Amino acid sequence: MIIKILKDISTDYKTIDLTALAKKYGYNKNYLSNFIKKESGKSFSELVMNQRLIQAHSLITTTTMPISEIIYAIGMKNKTSFYKKYKSYYLMMPGDERK
């Protein structure tokens, strides 16, 4: 089941939420959250954020799309939060990837 959940996260990372995922699989939200953490070693929100950052990295390195549009395209709203998370994940700022 964890494989299906990870697939859902990788395809629906922009809009996925734990409540809808729990409903889809017929589980309680808290149970599913604990299950995901136990099976993957990461929380649901960490997995979603990692997927968003991977997608953002891909868009930054393969397109000329403005970073502000990329942030929106991956399902994030807060620019400051995005920059912080990106820097901690890739150890560089998004703009540095294009230089």
PDB file of N, CA and C in Angstrom:
ATOM      1  N   MET A   1       0.816  -1.194   0.000  1.00  0.00           N
ATOM      2  CA  MET A   1       0.000   0.000   0.000  1.00  0.00           C
ATOM      3  C   MET A   1       0.868   1.270   0.000  1.00  0.00           C
ATOM      4  N   ILE A   2       2.039   1.212   0.639  1.00  0.00           N
ATOM      5  CA  ILE A   2       2.900   2.395   0.688  1.00  0.00           C
ATOM      6  C   ILE A   2       3.340   2.797  -0.721  1.00  0.00           C
ATOM      7  N   ILE A   3       3.511   1.819  -1.599  1.00  0.00           N
ATOM      8  CA  ILE A   3       3.890   2.118  -2.988  1.00  0.00           C
ATOM      9  C   ILE A   3       2.797   2.941  -3.663  1.00  0.00           C
ATOM     10  N   LYS A   4       1.545   2.548  -3.480  1.00  0.00           N
ATOM     11  CA  LYS A   4       0.418   3.289  -4.061  1.00  0.00           C
ATOM     12  C   LYS A   4       0.366   4.712  -3.516  1.00  0.00           C
ATOM     13  N   ILE A   5       0.587   4.840  -2.229  1.00  0.00           N
ATOM     14  CA  ILE A   5       0.556   6.170  -1.594  1.00  0.00           C
ATOM     15  C   ILE A   5       1.677   7.045  -2.147  1.00  0.00           C
ATOM     16  N   LEU A   6       2.880   6.486  -2.271  1.00  0.00           N
ATOM     17  CA  LEU A   6       4.013   7.243  -2.809  1.00  0.00           C
ATOM     18  C   LEU A   6       3.765   7.643  -4.267  1.00  0.00           C
ATOM     19  N   LYS A   7       3.109   6.763  -5.022  1.00  0.00           N
ATOM     20  CA  LYS A   7       2.751   7.095  -6.404  1.00  0.00           C
ATOM     21  C   LYS A   7       1.763   8.256  -6.430  1.00  0.00           C
ATOM     22  N   ASP A   8       0.774   8.198  -5.529  1.00  0.00           N
ATOM     23  CA  ASP A   8      -0.213   9.288  -5.444  1.00  0.00           C
ATOM     24  C   ASP A   8       0.482  10.612  -5.137  1.00  0.00           C
ATOM     25  N   ILE A   9       1.416  10.570  -4.204  1.00  0.00           N
ATOM     26  CA  ILE A   9       2.151  11.792  -3.836  1.00  0.00           C
ATOM     27  C   ILE A   9       2.960  12.293  -5.026  1.00  0.00           C
ATOM     28  N   SER A  10       3.597  11.387  -5.756  1.00  0.00           N
ATOM     29  CA  SER A  10       4.437  11.835  -6.869  1.00  0.00           C
ATOM     30  C   SER A  10       3.620  12.386  -8.034  1.00  0.00           C
ATOM     31  N   THR A  11       2.385  11.959  -8.190  1.00  0.00           N
ATOM     32  CA  THR A  11       1.584  12.495  -9.293  1.00  0.00           C
ATOM     33  C   THR A  11       0.709  13.671  -8.879  1.00  0.00           C
ATOM     34  N   ASP A  12       0.265  13.686  -7.624  1.00  0.00           N
ATOM     35  CA  ASP A  12      -0.667  14.737  -7.166  1.00  0.00           C
ATOM     36  C   ASP A  12      -0.048  15.684  -6.147  1.00  0.00           C
ATOM     37  N   TYR A  13       1.280  15.840  -6.187  1.00  0.00           N
ATOM     38  CA  TYR A  13       1.983  16.651  -5.184  1.00  0.00           C
ATOM     39  C   TYR A  13       1.479  18.085  -5.085  1.00  0.00           C
ATOM     40  N   LYS A  14       0.897  18.622  -6.158  1.00  0.00           N
ATOM     41  CA  LYS A  14       0.433  20.010  -6.142  1.00  0.00           C
ATOM     42  C   LYS A  14      -0.756  20.208  -5.209  1.00  0.00           C
ATOM     43  N   THR A  15      -1.661  19.242  -5.205  1.00  0.00           N
ATOM     44  CA  THR A  15      -2.931  19.436  -4.492  1.00  0.00           C
ATOM     45  C   THR A  15      -3.240  18.401  -3.437  1.00  0.00           C
ATOM     46  N   ILE A  16      -2.425  17.381  -3.317  1.00  0.00           N
ATOM     47  CA  ILE A  16      -2.743  16.268  -2.407  1.00  0.00           C
ATOM     48  C   ILE A  16      -2.833  16.733  -0.958  1.00  0.00           C
ATOM     49  N   ASP A  17      -3.768  16.154  -0.230  1.00  0.00           N
ATOM     50  CA  ASP A  17      -3.809  16.392   1.215  1.00  0.00           C
ATOM     51  C   ASP A  17      -4.129  15.080   1.928  1.00  0.00           C
ATOM     52  N   LEU A  18      -3.716  15.005   3.155  1.00  0.00           N
ATOM     53  CA  LEU A  18      -3.807  13.772   3.926  1.00  0.00           C
ATOM     54  C   LEU A  18      -5.245  13.316   4.108  1.00  0.00           C
ATOM     55  N   THR A  19      -6.169  14.249   4.320  1.00  0.00           N
ATOM     56  CA  THR A  19      -7.572  13.898   4.529  1.00  0.00           C
ATOM     57  C   THR A  19      -8.138  13.181   3.305  1.00  0.00           C
ATOM     58  N   ALA A  20      -7.903  13.731   2.125  1.00  0.00           N
ATOM     59  CA  ALA A  20      -8.411  13.117   0.889  1.00  0.00           C
ATOM     60  C   ALA A  20      -7.757  11.761   0.647  1.00  0.00           C
ATOM     61  N   LEU A  21      -6.462  11.666   0.934  1.00  0.00           N
ATOM     62  CA  LEU A  21      -5.750  10.408   0.749  1.00  0.00           C
ATOM     63  C   LEU A  21      -6.292   9.336   1.694  1.00  0.00           C
ATOM     64  N   ALA A  22      -6.537   9.711   2.931  1.00  0.00           N
ATOM     65  CA  ALA A  22      -7.090   8.778   3.919  1.00  0.00           C
ATOM     66  C   ALA A  22      -8.467   8.295   3.472  1.00  0.00           C
ATOM     67  N   LYS A  23      -9.262   9.208   2.970  1.00  0.00           N
ATOM     68  CA  LYS A  23     -10.603   8.853   2.487  1.00  0.00           C
ATOM     69  C   LYS A  23     -10.504   7.890   1.298  1.00  0.00           C
ATOM     70  N   LYS A  24      -9.579   8.166   0.394  1.00  0.00           N
ATOM     71  CA  LYS A  24      -9.392   7.321  -0.795  1.00  0.00           C
ATOM     72  C   LYS A  24      -9.094   5.872  -0.421  1.00  0.00           C
ATOM     73  N   TYR A  25      -8.265   5.691   0.608  1.00  0.00           N
ATOM     74  CA  TYR A  25      -7.870   4.344   1.014  1.00  0.00           C
ATOM     75  C   TYR A  25      -8.712   3.786   2.163  1.00  0.00           C
ATOM     76  N   GLY A  26      -9.666   4.576   2.633  1.00  0.00           N
ATOM     77  CA  GLY A  26     -10.576   4.093   3.672  1.00  0.00           C
ATOM     78  C   GLY A  26      -9.960   4.004   5.056  1.00  0.00           C
ATOM     79  N   TYR A  27      -9.042   4.904   5.343  1.00  0.00           N
ATOM     80  CA  TYR A  27      -8.399   4.914   6.663  1.00  0.00           C
ATOM     81  C   TYR A  27      -8.646   6.226   7.379  1.00  0.00           C
ATOM     82  N   ASN A  28      -8.439   6.180   8.672  1.00  0.00           N
ATOM     83  CA  ASN A  28      -8.454   7.377   9.490  1.00  0.00           C
ATOM     84  C   ASN A  28      -7.194   8.180   9.148  1.00  0.00           C
ATOM     85  N   LYS A  29      -7.336   9.494   9.127  1.00  0.00           N
ATOM     86  CA  LYS A  29      -6.218  10.387   8.777  1.00  0.00           C
ATOM     87  C   LYS A  29      -5.000  10.156   9.679  1.00  0.00           C
ATOM     88  N   ASN A  30      -5.212  10.038  10.974  1.00  0.00           N
ATOM     89  CA  ASN A  30      -4.096   9.843  11.905  1.00  0.00           C
ATOM     90  C   ASN A  30      -3.416   8.490  11.706  1.00  0.00           C
ATOM     91  N   TYR A  31      -4.238   7.463  11.459  1.00  0.00           N
ATOM     92  CA  TYR A  31      -3.674   6.140  11.214  1.00  0.00           C
ATOM     93  C   TYR A  31      -2.790   6.176   9.966  1.00  0.00           C
ATOM     94  N   LEU A  32      -3.314   6.775   8.894  1.00  0.00           N
ATOM     95  CA  LEU A  32      -2.561   6.831   7.648  1.00  0.00           C
ATOM     96  C   LEU A  32      -1.269   7.622   7.812  1.00  0.00           C
ATOM     97  N   SER A  33      -1.344   8.708   8.540  1.00  0.00           N
ATOM     98  CA  SER A  33      -0.158   9.524   8.804  1.00  0.00           C
ATOM     99  C   SER A  33       0.912   8.693   9.517  1.00  0.00           C
ATOM    100  N   ASN A  34       0.517   7.965  10.538  1.00  0.00           N
ATOM    101  CA  ASN A  34       1.458   7.115  11.281  1.00  0.00           C
ATOM    102  C   ASN A  34       2.002   5.987  10.396  1.00  0.00           C
ATOM    103  N   PHE A  35       1.127   5.411   9.571  1.00  0.00           N
ATOM    104  CA  PHE A  35       1.537   4.343   8.660  1.00  0.00           C
ATOM    105  C   PHE A  35       2.601   4.840   7.682  1.00  0.00           C
ATOM    106  N   ILE A  36       2.361   6.007   7.100  1.00  0.00           N
ATOM    107  CA  ILE A  36       3.313   6.590   6.136  1.00  0.00           C
ATOM    108  C   ILE A  36       4.661   6.835   6.805  1.00  0.00           C
ATOM    109  N   LYS A  37       4.628   7.389   8.000  1.00  0.00           N
ATOM    110  CA  LYS A  37       5.865   7.687   8.746  1.00  0.00           C
ATOM    111  C   LYS A  37       6.624   6.397   9.054  1.00  0.00           C
ATOM    112  N   LYS A  38       5.883   5.365   9.484  1.00  0.00           N
ATOM    113  CA  LYS A  38       6.507   4.100   9.847  1.00  0.00           C
ATOM    114  C   LYS A  38       7.121   3.412   8.628  1.00  0.00           C
ATOM    115  N   GLU A  39       6.404   3.416   7.512  1.00  0.00           N
ATOM    116  CA  GLU A  39       6.863   2.711   6.316  1.00  0.00           C
ATOM    117  C   GLU A  39       7.953   3.450   5.541  1.00  0.00           C
ATOM    118  N   SER A  40       7.862   4.773   5.496  1.00  0.00           N
ATOM    119  CA  SER A  40       8.806   5.524   4.662  1.00  0.00           C
ATOM    120  C   SER A  40       9.911   6.208   5.463  1.00  0.00           C
ATOM    121  N   GLY A  41       9.683   6.382   6.761  1.00  0.00           N
ATOM    122  CA  GLY A  41      10.664   7.090   7.587  1.00  0.00           C
ATOM    123  C   GLY A  41      10.504   8.600   7.518  1.00  0.00           C
ATOM    124  N   LYS A  42       9.526   9.076   6.731  1.00  0.00           N
ATOM    125  CA  LYS A  42       9.270  10.509   6.607  1.00  0.00           C
ATOM    126  C   LYS A  42       7.782  10.774   6.787  1.00  0.00           C
ATOM    127  N   SER A  43       7.482  11.972   7.236  1.00  0.00           N
ATOM    128  CA  SER A  43       6.079  12.336   7.400  1.00  0.00           C
ATOM    129  C   SER A  43       5.457  12.605   6.035  1.00  0.00           C
ATOM    130  N   PHE A  44       4.137  12.603   6.000  1.00  0.00           N
ATOM    131  CA  PHE A  44       3.405  12.889   4.770  1.00  0.00           C
ATOM    132  C   PHE A  44       3.824  14.239   4.202  1.00  0.00           C
ATOM    133  N   SER A  45       3.882  15.257   5.053  1.00  0.00           N
ATOM    134  CA  SER A  45       4.225  16.600   4.566  1.00  0.00           C
ATOM    135  C   SER A  45       5.663  16.663   4.053  1.00  0.00           C
ATOM    136  N   GLU A  46       6.578  15.921   4.664  1.00  0.00           N
ATOM    137  CA  GLU A  46       7.961  15.871   4.165  1.00  0.00           C
ATOM    138  C   GLU A  46       8.011  15.242   2.771  1.00  0.00           C
ATOM    139  N   LEU A  47       7.258  14.165   2.589  1.00  0.00           N
ATOM    140  CA  LEU A  47       7.236  13.495   1.288  1.00  0.00           C
ATOM    141  C   LEU A  47       6.671  14.406   0.205  1.00  0.00           C
ATOM    142  N   VAL A  48       5.588  15.116   0.533  1.00  0.00           N
ATOM    143  CA  VAL A  48       4.980  16.031  -0.433  1.00  0.00           C
ATOM    144  C   VAL A  48       5.954  17.169  -0.756  1.00  0.00           C
ATOM    145  N   MET A  49       6.559  17.737   0.273  1.00  0.00           N
ATOM    146  CA  MET A  49       7.496  18.845   0.056  1.00  0.00           C
ATOM    147  C   MET A  49       8.693  18.389  -0.777  1.00  0.00           C
ATOM    148  N   ASN A  50       9.227  17.214  -0.489  1.00  0.00           N
ATOM    149  CA  ASN A  50      10.358  16.697  -1.264  1.00  0.00           C
ATOM    150  C   ASN A  50       9.980  16.549  -2.736  1.00  0.00           C
ATOM    151  N   GLN A  51       8.775  16.045  -2.987  1.00  0.00           N
ATOM    152  CA  GLN A  51       8.325  15.876  -4.367  1.00  0.00           C
ATOM    153  C   GLN A  51       8.192  17.231  -5.060  1.00  0.00           C
ATOM    154  N   ARG A  52       7.670  18.213  -4.337  1.00  0.00           N
ATOM    155  CA  ARG A  52       7.547  19.565  -4.898  1.00  0.00           C
ATOM    156  C   ARG A  52       8.917  20.150  -5.216  1.00  0.00           C
ATOM    157  N   LEU A  53       9.875  19.942  -4.331  1.00  0.00           N
ATOM    158  CA  LEU A  53      11.222  20.481  -4.548  1.00  0.00           C
ATOM    159  C   LEU A  53      11.915  19.791  -5.718  1.00  0.00           C
ATOM    160  N   ILE A  54      11.707  18.506  -5.858  1.00  0.00           N
ATOM    161  CA  ILE A  54      12.290  17.766  -6.979  1.00  0.00           C
ATOM    162  C   ILE A  54      11.713  18.296  -8.292  1.00  0.00           C
ATOM    163  N   GLN A  55      10.401  18.499  -8.307  1.00  0.00           N
ATOM    164  CA  GLN A  55       9.754  19.024  -9.509  1.00  0.00           C
ATOM    165  C   GLN A  55      10.239  20.448  -9.808  1.00  0.00           C
ATOM    166  N   ALA A  56      10.364  21.265  -8.758  1.00  0.00           N
ATOM    167  CA  ALA A  56      10.852  22.636  -8.937  1.00  0.00           C
ATOM    168  C   ALA A  56      12.267  22.622  -9.513  1.00  0.00           C
ATOM    169  N   HIS A  57      13.113  21.769  -8.979  1.00  0.00           N
ATOM    170  CA  HIS A  57      14.490  21.643  -9.467  1.00  0.00           C
ATOM    171  C   HIS A  57      14.501  21.285 -10.948  1.00  0.00           C
ATOM    172  N   SER A  58      13.651  20.348 -11.310  1.00  0.00           N
ATOM    173  CA  SER A  58      13.550  19.938 -12.704  1.00  0.00           C
ATOM    174  C   SER A  58      13.135  21.113 -13.589  1.00  0.00           C
ATOM    175  N   LEU A  59      12.137  21.870 -13.171  1.00  0.00           N
ATOM    176  CA  LEU A  59      11.682  23.024 -13.949  1.00  0.00           C
ATOM    177  C   LEU A  59      12.740  24.120 -14.011  1.00  0.00           C
ATOM    178  N   ILE A  60      13.442  24.337 -12.918  1.00  0.00           N
ATOM    179  CA  ILE A  60      14.485  25.374 -12.873  1.00  0.00           C
ATOM    180  C   ILE A  60      15.623  25.035 -13.825  1.00  0.00           C
ATOM    181  N   THR A  61      16.002  23.773 -13.857  1.00  0.00           N
ATOM    182  CA  THR A  61      17.159  23.382 -14.666  1.00  0.00           C
ATOM    183  C   THR A  61      16.820  23.099 -16.130  1.00  0.00           C
ATOM    184  N   THR A  62      15.539  22.905 -16.457  1.00  0.00           N
ATOM    185  CA  THR A  62      15.204  22.544 -17.835  1.00  0.00           C
ATOM    186  C   THR A  62      14.347  23.574 -18.566  1.00  0.00           C
ATOM    187  N   THR A  63      13.904  24.618 -17.867  1.00  0.00           N
ATOM    188  CA  THR A  63      13.069  25.628 -18.517  1.00  0.00           C
ATOM    189  C   THR A  63      13.602  27.027 -18.203  1.00  0.00           C
ATOM    190  N   THR A  64      13.035  28.009 -18.872  1.00  0.00           N
ATOM    191  CA  THR A  64      13.370  29.398 -18.562  1.00  0.00           C
ATOM    192  C   THR A  64      12.218  30.061 -17.804  1.00  0.00           C
ATOM    193  N   MET A  65      11.311  29.256 -17.331  1.00  0.00           N
ATOM    194  CA  MET A  65      10.154  29.737 -16.581  1.00  0.00           C
ATOM    195  C   MET A  65      10.625  30.528 -15.356  1.00  0.00           C
ATOM    196  N   PRO A  66      10.031  31.683 -15.089  1.00  0.00           N
ATOM    197  CA  PRO A  66      10.425  32.448 -13.896  1.00  0.00           C
ATOM    198  C   PRO A  66      10.195  31.641 -12.616  1.00  0.00           C
ATOM    199  N   ILE A  67      11.074  31.806 -11.651  1.00  0.00           N
ATOM    200  CA  ILE A  67      10.979  31.049 -10.404  1.00  0.00           C
ATOM    201  C   ILE A  67       9.654  31.306  -9.702  1.00  0.00           C
ATOM    202  N   SER A  68       9.148  32.534  -9.773  1.00  0.00           N
ATOM    203  CA  SER A  68       7.861  32.830  -9.136  1.00  0.00           C
ATOM    204  C   SER A  68       6.735  31.989  -9.748  1.00  0.00           C
ATOM    205  N   GLU A  69       6.793  31.730 -11.049  1.00  0.00           N
ATOM    206  CA  GLU A  69       5.795  30.874 -11.696  1.00  0.00           C
ATOM    207  C   GLU A  69       6.007  29.409 -11.322  1.00  0.00           C
ATOM    208  N   ILE A  70       7.254  29.012 -11.179  1.00  0.00           N
ATOM    209  CA  ILE A  70       7.559  27.632 -10.789  1.00  0.00           C
ATOM    210  C   ILE A  70       7.000  27.354  -9.396  1.00  0.00           C
ATOM    211  N   ILE A  71       7.152  28.317  -8.496  1.00  0.00           N
ATOM    212  CA  ILE A  71       6.643  28.157  -7.135  1.00  0.00           C
ATOM    213  C   ILE A  71       5.138  27.882  -7.177  1.00  0.00           C
ATOM    214  N   TYR A  72       4.446  28.651  -7.986  1.00  0.00           N
ATOM    215  CA  TYR A  72       2.999  28.460  -8.129  1.00  0.00           C
ATOM    216  C   TYR A  72       2.694  27.125  -8.814  1.00  0.00           C
ATOM    217  N   ALA A  73       3.469  26.773  -9.819  1.00  0.00           N
ATOM    218  CA  ALA A  73       3.243  25.543 -10.591  1.00  0.00           C
ATOM    219  C   ALA A  73       3.395  24.275  -9.759  1.00  0.00           C
ATOM    220  N   ILE A  74       4.218  24.323  -8.733  1.00  0.00           N
ATOM    221  CA  ILE A  74       4.415  23.129  -7.904  1.00  0.00           C
ATOM    222  C   ILE A  74       3.453  23.080  -6.722  1.00  0.00           C
ATOM    223  N   GLY A  75       2.581  24.074  -6.632  1.00  0.00           N
ATOM    224  CA  GLY A  75       1.555  24.039  -5.596  1.00  0.00           C
ATOM    225  C   GLY A  75       1.896  24.775  -4.322  1.00  0.00           C
ATOM    226  N   MET A  76       2.918  25.614  -4.353  1.00  0.00           N
ATOM    227  CA  MET A  76       3.268  26.397  -3.172  1.00  0.00           C
ATOM    228  C   MET A  76       2.799  27.829  -3.346  1.00  0.00           C
ATOM    229  N   LYS A  77       2.588  28.503  -2.233  1.00  0.00           N
ATOM    230  CA  LYS A  77       2.120  29.884  -2.285  1.00  0.00           C
ATOM    231  C   LYS A  77       3.129  30.852  -1.671  1.00  0.00           C
ATOM    232  N   ASN A  78       3.855  30.386  -0.688  1.00  0.00           N
ATOM    233  CA  ASN A  78       4.768  31.248   0.051  1.00  0.00           C
ATOM    234  C   ASN A  78       6.177  31.193  -0.539  1.00  0.00           C
ATOM    235  N   LYS A  79       6.584  32.302  -1.144  1.00  0.00           N
ATOM    236  CA  LYS A  79       7.894  32.392  -1.807  1.00  0.00           C
ATOM    237  C   LYS A  79       9.045  32.205  -0.816  1.00  0.00           C
ATOM    238  N   THR A  80       8.937  32.866   0.338  1.00  0.00           N
ATOM    239  CA  THR A  80       9.994  32.776   1.350  1.00  0.00           C
ATOM    240  C   THR A  80      10.185  31.342   1.819  1.00  0.00           C
ATOM    241  N   SER A  81       9.078  30.675   2.077  1.00  0.00           N
ATOM    242  CA  SER A  81       9.132  29.282   2.513  1.00  0.00           C
ATOM    243  C   SER A  81       9.786  28.411   1.437  1.00  0.00           C
ATOM    244  N   PHE A  82       9.417  28.639   0.184  1.00  0.00           N
ATOM    245  CA  PHE A  82       9.998  27.871  -0.912  1.00  0.00           C
ATOM    246  C   PHE A  82      11.521  28.032  -0.947  1.00  0.00           C
ATOM    247  N   TYR A  83      11.993  29.274  -0.889  1.00  0.00           N
ATOM    248  CA  TYR A  83      13.441  29.520  -0.947  1.00  0.00           C
ATOM    249  C   TYR A  83      14.172  28.830   0.211  1.00  0.00           C
ATOM    250  N   LYS A  84      13.582  28.901   1.405  1.00  0.00           N
ATOM    251  CA  LYS A  84      14.199  28.255   2.581  1.00  0.00           C
ATOM    252  C   LYS A  84      14.286  26.743   2.391  1.00  0.00           C
ATOM    253  N   LYS A  85      13.178  26.155   1.982  1.00  0.00           N
ATOM    254  CA  LYS A  85      13.130  24.698   1.809  1.00  0.00           C
ATOM    255  C   LYS A  85      14.066  24.257   0.676  1.00  0.00           C
ATOM    256  N   TYR A  86      14.066  25.004  -0.410  1.00  0.00           N
ATOM    257  CA  TYR A  86      14.917  24.660  -1.554  1.00  0.00           C
ATOM    258  C   TYR A  86      16.382  24.694  -1.142  1.00  0.00           C
ATOM    259  N   LYS A  87      16.752  25.752  -0.432  1.00  0.00           N
ATOM    260  CA  LYS A  87      18.153  25.889  -0.010  1.00  0.00           C
ATOM    261  C   LYS A  87      18.558  24.761   0.938  1.00  0.00           C
ATOM    262  N   SER A  88      17.679  24.378   1.856  1.00  0.00           N
ATOM    263  CA  SER A  88      18.048  23.309   2.789  1.00  0.00           C
ATOM    264  C   SER A  88      18.089  21.943   2.090  1.00  0.00           C
ATOM    265  N   TYR A  89      17.299  21.764   1.036  1.00  0.00           N
ATOM    266  CA  TYR A  89      17.263  20.484   0.321  1.00  0.00           C
ATOM    267  C   TYR A  89      18.424  20.356  -0.667  1.00  0.00           C
ATOM    268  N   TYR A  90      18.687  21.414  -1.438  1.00  0.00           N
ATOM    269  CA  TYR A  90      19.728  21.363  -2.476  1.00  0.00           C
ATOM    270  C   TYR A  90      21.021  22.084  -2.103  1.00  0.00           C
ATOM    271  N   LEU A  91      21.042  22.738  -0.963  1.00  0.00           N
ATOM    272  CA  LEU A  91      22.209  23.475  -0.476  1.00  0.00           C
ATOM    273  C   LEU A  91      22.639  24.607  -1.399  1.00  0.00           C
ATOM    274  N   MET A  92      21.688  25.151  -2.147  1.00  0.00           N
ATOM    275  CA  MET A  92      21.927  26.322  -2.973  1.00  0.00           C
ATOM    276  C   MET A  92      20.580  26.977  -3.276  1.00  0.00           C
ATOM    277  N   MET A  93      20.654  28.229  -3.662  1.00  0.00           N
ATOM    278  CA  MET A  93      19.435  28.952  -3.989  1.00  0.00           C
ATOM    279  C   MET A  93      18.983  28.575  -5.402  1.00  0.00           C
ATOM    280  N   PRO A  94      17.670  28.642  -5.650  1.00  0.00           N
ATOM    281  CA  PRO A  94      17.169  28.267  -6.976  1.00  0.00           C
ATOM    282  C   PRO A  94      17.788  29.042  -8.125  1.00  0.00           C
ATOM    283  N   GLY A  95      18.016  30.338  -7.937  1.00  0.00           N
ATOM    284  CA  GLY A  95      18.609  31.163  -8.987  1.00  0.00           C
ATOM    285  C   GLY A  95      20.019  30.739  -9.339  1.00  0.00           C
ATOM    286  N   ASP A  96      20.754  30.192  -8.368  1.00  0.00           N
ATOM    287  CA  ASP A  96      22.138  29.747  -8.598  1.00  0.00           C
ATOM    288  C   ASP A  96      22.196  28.551  -9.543  1.00  0.00           C
ATOM    289  N   GLU A  97      21.096  27.797  -9.629  1.00  0.00           N
ATOM    290  CA  GLU A  97      21.048  26.616 -10.509  1.00  0.00           C
ATOM    291  C   GLU A  97      21.159  27.006 -11.974  1.00  0.00           C
ATOM    292  N   ARG A  98      20.724  28.215 -12.304  1.00  0.00           N
ATOM    293  CA  ARG A  98      20.676  28.627 -13.709  1.00  0.00           C
ATOM    294  C   ARG A  98      21.946  29.316 -14.187  1.00  0.00           C
ATOM    295  N   LYS A  99      22.843  29.609 -13.292  1.00  0.00           N
ATOM    296  CA  LYS A  99      24.070  30.339 -13.679  1.00  0.00           C
ATOM    297  C   LYS A  99      25.054  29.427 -14.359  1.00  0.00           C
TER     298      LYS A  99
END
